[in-house]
C-alpha atoms as a PDB file:
ATOM      1  CA  MET A   1      77.290 140.682  55.451  1.00  0.00           C
ATOM      2  CA  ALA A   2      79.933 138.476  54.471  1.00  0.00           C
ATOM      3  CA  ALA A   3      82.809 139.072  51.577  1.00  0.00           C
ATOM      4  CA  LEU A   4      82.292 137.200  48.476  1.00  0.00           C
ATOM      5  CA  GLY A   5      84.748 134.037  48.119  1.00  0.00           C
ATOM      6  CA  LYS A   6      87.838 133.765  45.876  1.00  0.00           C
ATOM      7  CA  ILE A   7      87.321 132.880  42.112  1.00  0.00           C
ATOM      8  CA  GLY A   8      87.321 129.355  41.220  1.00  0.00           C
ATOM      9  CA  VAL A   9      87.989 127.794  37.304  1.00  0.00           C
ATOM     10  CA  ILE A  10      86.931 124.031  36.529  1.00  0.00           C
ATOM     11  CA  ALA A  11      90.595 123.854  34.727  1.00  0.00           C
ATOM     12  CA  ASP A  12      89.120 121.048  32.162  1.00  0.00           C
ATOM     13  CA  ALA A  13      87.556 123.460  30.505  1.00  0.00           C
ATOM     14  CA  PHE A  14      90.220 124.923  28.941  1.00  0.00           C
ATOM     15  CA  LYS A  15      90.441 121.256  27.005  1.00  0.00           C
ATOM     16  CA  LEU A  16      94.141 121.205  27.537  1.00  0.00           C
ATOM     17  CA  ASN A  17      96.513 119.006  29.407  1.00  0.00           C
ATOM     18  CA  LEU A  18      96.539 119.207  33.105  1.00  0.00           C
ATOM     19  CA  ARG A  19      99.655 121.276  33.605  1.00  0.00           C
ATOM     20  CA  ASP A  20      98.473 123.735  30.559  1.00  0.00           C
ATOM     21  CA  ASN A  21      95.146 123.776  32.061  1.00  0.00           C
ATOM     22  CA  LEU A  22      96.854 124.687  35.398  1.00  0.00           C
ATOM     23  CA  ARG A  23      98.477 127.423  33.751  1.00  0.00           C
ATOM     24  CA  LYS A  24      95.660 129.032  32.004  1.00  0.00           C
ATOM     25  CA  ALA A  25      93.738 128.999  35.273  1.00  0.00           C
ATOM     26  CA  GLN A  26      96.556 131.281  36.512  1.00  0.00           C
ATOM     27  CA  GLU A  27      96.764 133.623  33.487  1.00  0.00           C
ATOM     28  CA  VAL A  28      92.886 134.421  33.770  1.00  0.00           C
ATOM     29  CA  GLY A  29      93.432 135.175  37.289  1.00  0.00           C
ATOM     30  CA  ALA A  30      91.753 132.642  38.844  1.00  0.00           C
ATOM     31  CA  ASP A  31      92.128 132.208  42.834  1.00  0.00           C
ATOM     32  CA  GLY A  32      91.922 128.382  42.748  1.00  0.00           C
ATOM     33  CA  VAL A  33      90.387 125.432  40.217  1.00  0.00           C
ATOM     34  CA  GLN A  34      88.563 122.409  40.336  1.00  0.00           C
ATOM     35  CA  ILE A  35      90.000 119.419  38.539  1.00  0.00           C
ATOM     36  CA  TRP A  36      88.219 116.141  36.971  1.00  0.00           C
ATOM     37  CA  ALA A  37      89.890 113.092  39.114  1.00  0.00           C
ATOM     38  CA  THR A  38      88.128 110.493  37.392  1.00  0.00           C
ATOM     39  CA  GLU A  39      90.046 109.142  34.099  1.00  0.00           C
ATOM     40  CA  GLY A  40      93.224 109.705  32.824  1.00  0.00           C
ATOM     41  CA  ALA A  41      96.472 111.772  34.036  1.00  0.00           C
ATOM     42  CA  MET A  42      94.182 112.566  37.608  1.00  0.00           C
ATOM     43  CA  ASP A  43      92.895 108.965  38.327  1.00  0.00           C
ATOM     44  CA  PRO A  44      94.057 108.633  42.166  1.00  0.00           C
ATOM     45  CA  ASP A  45      95.133 105.252  40.342  1.00  0.00           C
ATOM     46  CA  ASN A  46      97.001 106.969  38.109  1.00  0.00           C
ATOM     47  CA  LEU A  47      99.338 109.389  40.534  1.00  0.00           C
ATOM     48  CA  ASN A  48     101.922 107.186  42.962  1.00  0.00           C
ATOM     49  CA  SER A  49     102.728 109.841  46.519  1.00  0.00           C
ATOM     50  CA  GLU A  50     106.060 111.414  44.006  1.00  0.00           C
ATOM     51  CA  GLN A  51     103.484 112.578  41.223  1.00  0.00           C
ATOM     52  CA  ARG A  52     101.178 114.077  43.826  1.00  0.00           C
ATOM     53  CA  HIS A  53     103.524 116.114  45.608  1.00  0.00           C
ATOM     54  CA  GLU A  54     104.743 117.029  42.677  1.00  0.00           C
ATOM     55  CA  LEU A  55     101.527 118.184  41.746  1.00  0.00           C
ATOM     56  CA  LYS A  56     100.636 120.085  44.915  1.00  0.00           C
ATOM     57  CA  SER A  57     104.037 121.942  44.419  1.00  0.00           C
ATOM     58  CA  PHE A  58     103.290 122.579  40.452  1.00  0.00           C
ATOM     59  CA  ILE A  59      99.609 124.599  41.952  1.00  0.00           C
ATOM     60  CA  GLN A  60     101.050 126.128  44.836  1.00  0.00           C
ATOM     61  CA  GLU A  61     104.192 127.529  42.653  1.00  0.00           C
ATOM     62  CA  LEU A  62     101.300 129.410  39.932  1.00  0.00           C
ATOM     63  CA  GLY A  63      99.779 130.536  43.115  1.00  0.00           C
ATOM     64  CA  LEU A  64      96.264 128.744  43.033  1.00  0.00           C
ATOM     65  CA  GLU A  65      94.585 126.669  45.365  1.00  0.00           C
ATOM     66  CA  VAL A  66      92.549 123.447  44.319  1.00  0.00           C
ATOM     67  CA  SER A  67      89.079 124.444  45.223  1.00  0.00           C
ATOM     68  CA  ALA A  68      87.590 121.032  44.652  1.00  0.00           C
ATOM     69  CA  LEU A  69      88.148 117.662  42.416  1.00  0.00           C
ATOM     70  CA  CYS A  70      85.135 116.212  41.087  1.00  0.00           C
ATOM     71  CA  ALA A  71      84.042 112.040  41.099  1.00  0.00           C
ATOM     72  CA  ASP A  72      81.146 112.200  39.002  1.00  0.00           C
ATOM     73  CA  TYR A  73      81.159 108.632  37.456  1.00  0.00           C
ATOM     74  CA  GLY A  74      77.853 109.351  35.785  1.00  0.00           C
ATOM     75  CA  GLY A  75      75.671 106.504  34.839  1.00  0.00           C
ATOM     76  CA  HIS A  76      72.490 107.406  37.180  1.00  0.00           C
ATOM     77  CA  GLY A  77      75.023 108.301  40.070  1.00  0.00           C
ATOM     78  CA  PHE A  78      74.458 106.199  43.127  1.00  0.00           C
ATOM     79  CA  ARG A  79      70.683 105.205  42.433  1.00  0.00           C
ATOM     80  CA  LYS A  80      72.107 101.315  41.020  1.00  0.00           C
ATOM     81  CA  GLU A  81      73.563  99.261  43.769  1.00  0.00           C
ATOM     82  CA  ALA A  82      75.162  97.181  41.350  1.00  0.00           C
ATOM     83  CA  ASP A  83      77.099 100.145  40.690  1.00  0.00           C
ATOM     84  CA  ASN A  84      77.385 101.334  44.373  1.00  0.00           C
ATOM     85  CA  LEU A  85      80.572  99.211  45.268  1.00  0.00           C
ATOM     86  CA  TRP A  86      83.029 100.697  42.623  1.00  0.00           C
ATOM     87  CA  LYS A  87      81.709 104.022  42.564  1.00  0.00           C
ATOM     88  CA  ILE A  88      82.107 104.307  46.219  1.00  0.00           C
ATOM     89  CA  GLU A  89      85.348 103.018  46.532  1.00  0.00           C
ATOM     90  CA  LYS A  90      86.763 105.113  43.393  1.00  0.00           C
ATOM     91  CA  SER A  91      84.831 108.286  45.084  1.00  0.00           C
ATOM     92  CA  LYS A  92      86.947 107.434  48.145  1.00  0.00           C
ATOM     93  CA  LYS A  93      90.160 107.212  46.256  1.00  0.00           C
ATOM     94  CA  VAL A  94      89.522 111.073  44.841  1.00  0.00           C
ATOM     95  CA  MET A  95      88.830 111.989  48.692  1.00  0.00           C
ATOM     96  CA  THR A  96      91.931 111.096  49.536  1.00  0.00           C
ATOM     97  CA  LEU A  97      93.458 112.642  46.872  1.00  0.00           C
ATOM     98  CA  ALA A  98      91.970 116.377  47.176  1.00  0.00           C
ATOM     99  CA  LEU A  99      92.741 116.478  51.168  1.00  0.00           C
ATOM    100  CA  GLU A 100      96.767 115.533  49.385  1.00  0.00           C
ATOM    101  CA  LEU A 101      96.424 118.160  46.927  1.00  0.00           C
ATOM    102  CA  GLY A 102      94.964 120.784  49.863  1.00  0.00           C
ATOM    103  CA  SER A 103      91.278 120.465  49.366  1.00  0.00           C
ATOM    104  CA  PRO A 104      88.450 118.896  51.725  1.00  0.00           C
ATOM    105  CA  ILE A 105      85.965 119.195  48.741  1.00  0.00           C
ATOM    106  CA  VAL A 106      84.968 116.575  46.393  1.00  0.00           C
ATOM    107  CA  THR A 107      82.150 116.907  44.175  1.00  0.00           C
ATOM    108  CA  THR A 108      79.808 114.688  42.816  1.00  0.00           C
ATOM    109  CA  HIS A 109      76.565 114.187  41.638  1.00  0.00           C
ATOM    110  CA  ILE A 110      74.250 111.104  43.645  1.00  0.00           C
ATOM    111  CA  GLY A 111      71.341 110.867  40.445  1.00  0.00           C
ATOM    112  CA  VAL A 112      67.796 111.937  40.774  1.00  0.00           C
ATOM    113  CA  ILE A 113      66.431 111.916  44.785  1.00  0.00           C
ATOM    114  CA  PRO A 114      62.962 110.230  44.224  1.00  0.00           C
ATOM    115  CA  GLU A 115      60.115 112.026  45.608  1.00  0.00           C
ATOM    116  CA  GLN A 116      58.541 109.606  47.807  1.00  0.00           C
ATOM    117  CA  THR A 117      61.254 108.544  50.538  1.00  0.00           C
ATOM    118  CA  SER A 118      59.103 104.729  50.494  1.00  0.00           C
ATOM    119  CA  ASP A 119      60.941 104.485  46.672  1.00  0.00           C
ATOM    120  CA  PRO A 120      63.666 101.933  46.867  1.00  0.00           C
ATOM    121  CA  GLU A 121      65.919 104.075  45.263  1.00  0.00           C
ATOM    122  CA  TYR A 122      65.594 106.560  48.096  1.00  0.00           C
ATOM    123  CA  ALA A 123      67.433 103.582  50.628  1.00  0.00           C
ATOM    124  CA  ILE A 124      70.186 102.633  48.025  1.00  0.00           C
ATOM    125  CA  MET A 125      71.235 106.259  47.878  1.00  0.00           C
ATOM    126  CA  GLN A 126      70.779 106.996  51.452  1.00  0.00           C
ATOM    127  CA  ARG A 127      72.923 103.555  52.061  1.00  0.00           C
ATOM    128  CA  ALA A 128      75.795 104.915  49.398  1.00  0.00           C
ATOM    129  CA  CYS A 129      75.658 108.415  50.348  1.00  0.00           C
ATOM    130  CA  ASN A 130      75.793 107.776  54.751  1.00  0.00           C
ATOM    131  CA  GLU A 131      78.830 105.459  53.528  1.00  0.00           C
ATOM    132  CA  LEU A 132      80.736 108.460  51.642  1.00  0.00           C
ATOM    133  CA  ALA A 133      79.765 110.922  54.752  1.00  0.00           C
ATOM    134  CA  SER A 134      81.344 108.491  57.442  1.00  0.00           C
ATOM    135  CA  PHE A 135      84.431 108.292  55.278  1.00  0.00           C
ATOM    136  CA  ALA A 136      84.437 111.856  54.283  1.00  0.00           C
ATOM    137  CA  SER A 137      83.709 113.144  58.229  1.00  0.00           C
ATOM    138  CA  ASP A 138      86.280 110.783  59.829  1.00  0.00           C
ATOM    139  CA  MET A 139      88.773 112.611  57.504  1.00  0.00           C
ATOM    140  CA  GLY A 140      87.654 116.068  57.561  1.00  0.00           C
ATOM    141  CA  GLY A 141      86.434 116.409  54.060  1.00  0.00           C
ATOM    142  CA  TYR A 142      83.035 116.837  52.544  1.00  0.00           C
ATOM    143  CA  PHE A 143      81.483 115.133  49.058  1.00  0.00           C
ATOM    144  CA  ALA A 144      79.574 117.751  47.795  1.00  0.00           C
ATOM    145  CA  ILE A 145      76.269 116.640  45.718  1.00  0.00           C
ATOM    146  CA  GLU A 146      75.727 118.814  42.850  1.00  0.00           C
ATOM    147  CA  THR A 147      72.067 121.154  42.884  1.00  0.00           C
ATOM    148  CA  GLY A 148      69.890 120.756  39.824  1.00  0.00           C
ATOM    149  CA  PRO A 149      68.330 117.115  39.200  1.00  0.00           C
ATOM    150  CA  GLU A 150      65.583 117.704  42.248  1.00  0.00           C
ATOM    151  CA  PRO A 151      64.346 120.744  43.911  1.00  0.00           C
ATOM    152  CA  ALA A 152      66.183 122.048  46.768  1.00  0.00           C
ATOM    153  CA  GLU A 153      63.973 121.162  49.274  1.00  0.00           C
ATOM    154  CA  ARG A 154      63.761 118.022  48.216  1.00  0.00           C
ATOM    155  CA  LEU A 155      67.580 117.818  48.574  1.00  0.00           C
ATOM    156  CA  LYS A 156      67.196 119.251  52.008  1.00  0.00           C
ATOM    157  CA  ILE A 157      64.992 116.492  52.998  1.00  0.00           C
ATOM    158  CA  PHE A 158      67.291 113.905  51.554  1.00  0.00           C
ATOM    159  CA  LEU A 159      70.625 115.294  53.581  1.00  0.00           C
ATOM    160  CA  ASP A 160      68.760 115.995  56.841  1.00  0.00           C
ATOM    161  CA  SER A 161      68.278 112.119  56.701  1.00  0.00           C
ATOM    162  CA  LEU A 162      71.673 110.972  57.035  1.00  0.00           C
ATOM    163  CA  ASP A 163      73.739 110.259  59.515  1.00  0.00           C
ATOM    164  CA  ASN A 164      76.025 113.417  59.326  1.00  0.00           C
ATOM    165  CA  LYS A 165      76.951 116.194  57.287  1.00  0.00           C
ATOM    166  CA  GLY A 166      79.936 114.837  55.527  1.00  0.00           C
ATOM    167  CA  VAL A 167      77.921 114.699  52.404  1.00  0.00           C
ATOM    168  CA  ALA A 168      77.001 118.404  51.197  1.00  0.00           C
ATOM    169  CA  VAL A 169      75.939 120.595  49.029  1.00  0.00           C
ATOM    170  CA  ASN A 170      78.051 121.955  45.418  1.00  0.00           C
ATOM    171  CA  PHE A 171      75.573 124.818  44.366  1.00  0.00           C
ATOM    172  CA  ASP A 172      74.994 125.520  41.364  1.00  0.00           C
ATOM    173  CA  PRO A 173      72.679 127.816  40.452  1.00  0.00           C
ATOM    174  CA  ALA A 174      72.197 127.034  36.513  1.00  0.00           C
ATOM    175  CA  ASN A 175      71.259 123.904  37.036  1.00  0.00           C
ATOM    176  CA  MET A 176      68.257 124.830  38.991  1.00  0.00           C
ATOM    177  CA  VAL A 177      67.039 127.197  36.469  1.00  0.00           C
ATOM    178  CA  MET A 178      67.710 124.799  33.406  1.00  0.00           C
ATOM    179  CA  VAL A 179      66.126 121.554  34.531  1.00  0.00           C
ATOM    180  CA  THR A 180      63.465 121.807  37.478  1.00  0.00           C
ATOM    181  CA  GLY A 181      63.107 125.539  37.312  1.00  0.00           C
ATOM    182  CA  ASP A 182      63.579 125.773  40.838  1.00  0.00           C
ATOM    183  CA  ASP A 183      64.691 129.683  42.649  1.00  0.00           C
ATOM    184  CA  PRO A 184      68.424 129.123  43.053  1.00  0.00           C
ATOM    185  CA  VAL A 185      68.280 132.193  45.471  1.00  0.00           C
ATOM    186  CA  GLN A 186      65.224 130.365  47.785  1.00  0.00           C
ATOM    187  CA  GLY A 187      67.472 127.621  47.062  1.00  0.00           C
ATOM    188  CA  VAL A 188      70.822 128.768  48.630  1.00  0.00           C
ATOM    189  CA  HIS A 189      68.626 130.089  51.736  1.00  0.00           C
ATOM    190  CA  THR A 190      67.038 126.483  51.972  1.00  0.00           C
ATOM    191  CA  LEU A 191      70.402 124.698  51.653  1.00  0.00           C
ATOM    192  CA  ARG A 192      72.282 127.198  53.423  1.00  0.00           C
ATOM    193  CA  ASP A 193      73.818 124.563  56.411  1.00  0.00           C
ATOM    194  CA  TYR A 194      74.993 122.359  53.858  1.00  0.00           C
ATOM    195  CA  ILE A 195      76.993 124.424  51.035  1.00  0.00           C
ATOM    196  CA  VAL A 196      80.678 124.049  50.624  1.00  0.00           C
ATOM    197  CA  HIS A 197      81.230 124.930  47.179  1.00  0.00           C
ATOM    198  CA  THR A 198      79.360 126.348  44.640  1.00  0.00           C
ATOM    199  CA  HIS A 199      79.531 126.900  40.609  1.00  0.00           C
ATOM    200  CA  VAL A 200      79.167 129.800  38.428  1.00  0.00           C
ATOM    201  CA  LYS A 201      76.966 129.767  35.535  1.00  0.00           C
ATOM    202  CA  ASP A 202      74.477 130.352  33.458  1.00  0.00           C
ATOM    203  CA  GLY A 203      71.592 128.916  31.417  1.00  0.00           C
ATOM    204  CA  ILE A 204      68.353 129.386  30.161  1.00  0.00           C
ATOM    205  CA  ARG A 205      65.278 127.048  30.461  1.00  0.00           C
ATOM    206  CA  THR A 206      63.498 126.229  26.842  1.00  0.00           C
ATOM    207  CA  ALA A 207      61.373 123.622  27.582  1.00  0.00           C
ATOM    208  CA  GLU A 208      59.918 121.563  30.720  1.00  0.00           C
ATOM    209  CA  VAL A 209      62.371 119.252  31.140  1.00  0.00           C
ATOM    210  CA  ASN A 210      62.611 115.503  32.294  1.00  0.00           C
ATOM    211  CA  PRO A 211      65.423 115.279  35.155  1.00  0.00           C
ATOM    212  CA  TYR A 212      65.765 111.421  34.642  1.00  0.00           C
ATOM    213  CA  ASP A 213      66.720 112.210  30.822  1.00  0.00           C
ATOM    214  CA  VAL A 214      69.376 114.986  32.178  1.00  0.00           C
ATOM    215  CA  TYR A 215      70.863 113.084  35.347  1.00  0.00           C
ATOM    216  CA  GLY A 216      70.445 109.337  33.331  1.00  0.00           C
ATOM    217  CA  ASP A 217      72.596 108.012  30.970  1.00  0.00           C
ATOM    218  CA  LEU A 218      73.479 110.995  28.988  1.00  0.00           C
ATOM    219  CA  SER A 219      77.386 112.024  30.121  1.00  0.00           C
ATOM    220  CA  HIS A 220      78.700 116.077  30.525  1.00  0.00           C
ATOM    221  CA  GLU A 221      79.402 115.817  26.947  1.00  0.00           C
ATOM    222  CA  GLN A 222      76.742 114.066  25.632  1.00  0.00           C
ATOM    223  CA  ILE A 223      74.730 117.048  27.945  1.00  0.00           C
ATOM    224  CA  ALA A 224      76.953 119.983  26.265  1.00  0.00           C
ATOM    225  CA  ALA A 225      76.224 118.946  23.054  1.00  0.00           C
ATOM    226  CA  PHE A 226      72.488 120.045  23.201  1.00  0.00           C
ATOM    227  CA  GLU A 227      73.967 124.128  22.499  1.00  0.00           C
ATOM    228  CA  ASP A 228      70.493 124.949  20.512  1.00  0.00           C
ATOM    229  CA  GLY A 229      68.411 124.162  23.795  1.00  0.00           C
ATOM    230  CA  SER A 230      66.834 120.805  22.069  1.00  0.00           C
ATOM    231  CA  ILE A 231      67.398 118.806  24.955  1.00  0.00           C
ATOM    232  CA  GLY A 232      64.923 121.563  27.039  1.00  0.00           C
ATOM    233  CA  PHE A 233      67.637 124.076  28.273  1.00  0.00           C
ATOM    234  CA  ARG A 234      71.332 125.541  27.202  1.00  0.00           C
ATOM    235  CA  GLU A 235      74.458 126.918  28.868  1.00  0.00           C
ATOM    236  CA  VAL A 236      74.800 130.791  27.717  1.00  0.00           C
ATOM    237  CA  ALA A 237      77.646 133.109  29.001  1.00  0.00           C
ATOM    238  CA  LEU A 238      77.195 134.606  32.661  1.00  0.00           C
ATOM    239  CA  GLY A 239      74.972 137.035  32.703  1.00  0.00           C
ATOM    240  CA  GLU A 240      73.046 136.513  29.176  1.00  0.00           C
ATOM    241  CA  GLY A 241      70.477 133.549  30.951  1.00  0.00           C
ATOM    242  CA  GLN A 242      68.098 133.348  33.494  1.00  0.00           C
ATOM    243  CA  VAL A 243      70.536 133.708  37.002  1.00  0.00           C
ATOM    244  CA  ASP A 244      69.446 136.569  38.838  1.00  0.00           C
ATOM    245  CA  PHE A 245      73.384 137.109  39.809  1.00  0.00           C
ATOM    246  CA  ALA A 246      72.757 140.117  41.751  1.00  0.00           C
ATOM    247  CA  SER A 247      70.278 138.357  43.982  1.00  0.00           C
ATOM    248  CA  TYR A 248      72.525 135.020  43.899  1.00  0.00           C
ATOM    249  CA  PHE A 249      75.310 136.806  44.999  1.00  0.00           C
ATOM    250  CA  GLU A 250      73.423 138.930  48.048  1.00  0.00           C
ATOM    251  CA  ALA A 251      72.037 135.541  48.859  1.00  0.00           C
ATOM    252  CA  LEU A 252      75.370 133.549  49.302  1.00  0.00           C
ATOM    253  CA  GLN A 253      76.807 137.159  51.370  1.00  0.00           C
ATOM    254  CA  ALA A 254      73.605 136.831  53.529  1.00  0.00           C
ATOM    255  CA  ILE A 255      73.888 133.251  54.354  1.00  0.00           C
ATOM    256  CA  GLY A 256      77.535 133.939  55.509  1.00  0.00           C
ATOM    257  CA  TYR A 257      79.116 131.637  52.684  1.00  0.00           C
ATOM    258  CA  THR A 258      82.619 132.535  52.074  1.00  0.00           C
ATOM    259  CA  GLY A 259      83.751 129.589  50.124  1.00  0.00           C
ATOM    260  CA  TYR A 260      84.376 129.247  46.265  1.00  0.00           C
ATOM    261  CA  LEU A 261      83.147 130.615  43.419  1.00  0.00           C
ATOM    262  CA  THR A 262      83.611 128.128  40.818  1.00  0.00           C
ATOM    263  CA  ILE A 263      83.516 129.439  37.010  1.00  0.00           C
ATOM    264  CA  GLU A 264      82.450 125.963  35.361  1.00  0.00           C
ATOM    265  CA  ARG A 265      82.010 126.550  31.238  1.00  0.00           C
ATOM    266  CA  GLU A 266      81.110 123.266  29.481  1.00  0.00           C
ATOM    267  CA  VAL A 267      79.834 124.763  26.038  1.00  0.00           C
ATOM    268  CA  GLY A 268      81.240 126.634  23.336  1.00  0.00           C
ATOM    269  CA  ASN A 269      84.762 126.644  21.141  1.00  0.00           C
ATOM    270  CA  GLN A 270      86.567 129.723  23.188  1.00  0.00           C
ATOM    271  CA  PRO A 271      86.591 128.251  26.672  1.00  0.00           C
ATOM    272  CA  GLU A 272      89.399 130.720  27.266  1.00  0.00           C
ATOM    273  CA  GLN A 273      87.826 133.845  26.227  1.00  0.00           C
ATOM    274  CA  ASP A 274      84.726 132.748  28.025  1.00  0.00           C
ATOM    275  CA  ILE A 275      86.637 131.997  31.638  1.00  0.00           C
ATOM    276  CA  ARG A 276      88.235 135.665  31.011  1.00  0.00           C
ATOM    277  CA  GLN A 277      84.958 137.143  30.443  1.00  0.00           C
ATOM    278  CA  ALA A 278      83.077 135.307  33.387  1.00  0.00           C
ATOM    279  CA  VAL A 279      86.581 135.948  35.917  1.00  0.00           C
ATOM    280  CA  GLU A 280      85.860 139.895  35.213  1.00  0.00           C
ATOM    281  CA  PHE A 281      81.664 139.090  35.477  1.00  0.00           C
ATOM    282  CA  ILE A 282      82.279 138.033  39.575  1.00  0.00           C
ATOM    283  CA  ARG A 283      85.048 140.655  39.919  1.00  0.00           C
ATOM    284  CA  ARG A 284      82.586 143.410  39.304  1.00  0.00           C
ATOM    285  CA  PHE A 285      80.657 141.973  41.243  1.00  0.00           C
ATOM    286  CA  LYS A 286      83.859 141.710  44.220  1.00  0.00           C
ATOM    287  CA  ALA A 287      84.211 145.329  43.746  1.00  0.00           C
ATOM    288  CA  LYS A 288      80.623 146.390  44.715  1.00  0.00           C
END
């Protein structure tokens, strides 16, 4: 059985500036970082060649790796054809940046995949993902769709329909528990051929959730604001939610996954403490 992979942290969770976020990731004991690259200092349009080289050197000096970049532009993902031209071009720029920083992975949400393959939005999403898949594959990278908006089986059918595996999976067990009520352990086995990156996050589902209410107009910040569970779910500290991490980690080992286990903490007012505890939580499993 494969050993559990390295521990990553979404650096933006510390809510400091870019370099201080990276320093904090080192301080809490992470092996690598995932970084949002959609705006501000990490927007590819704001980083010239020299700045990219300096950033890569800074990350390496801290003893860190980039596990992935995030290019999630919200607004229904790639379901709206009118928006896809600019979203695809921006996503390609993030992929280029990721590879320059040493990671082949860019994570994203593509929106809720329709239940019916005959739905016009299904074809729109296929076209967008095929273009992204071809671009990523040609460069040796992956655009990794985050789990949660639909059951794992529906996501697999969609991925199987694409031209190549340049579009893959960023597996988030908490999203599945909170939004669709899907089983993350079975989901790992269902999506085993596509998982290239994972999140470690926990949550509780408090009511039936319409995925379109979550993965539509709401931003990450707006979703995180519903800490009381009034949206139908709430994110909680690792081990306090409905994700069975013992079984989840065992499933990842069973399929031979050795990539990053990246901690995502989107809520709460003590991110550093929560992330430190999450690092120790994963280490306890790795030590078994």
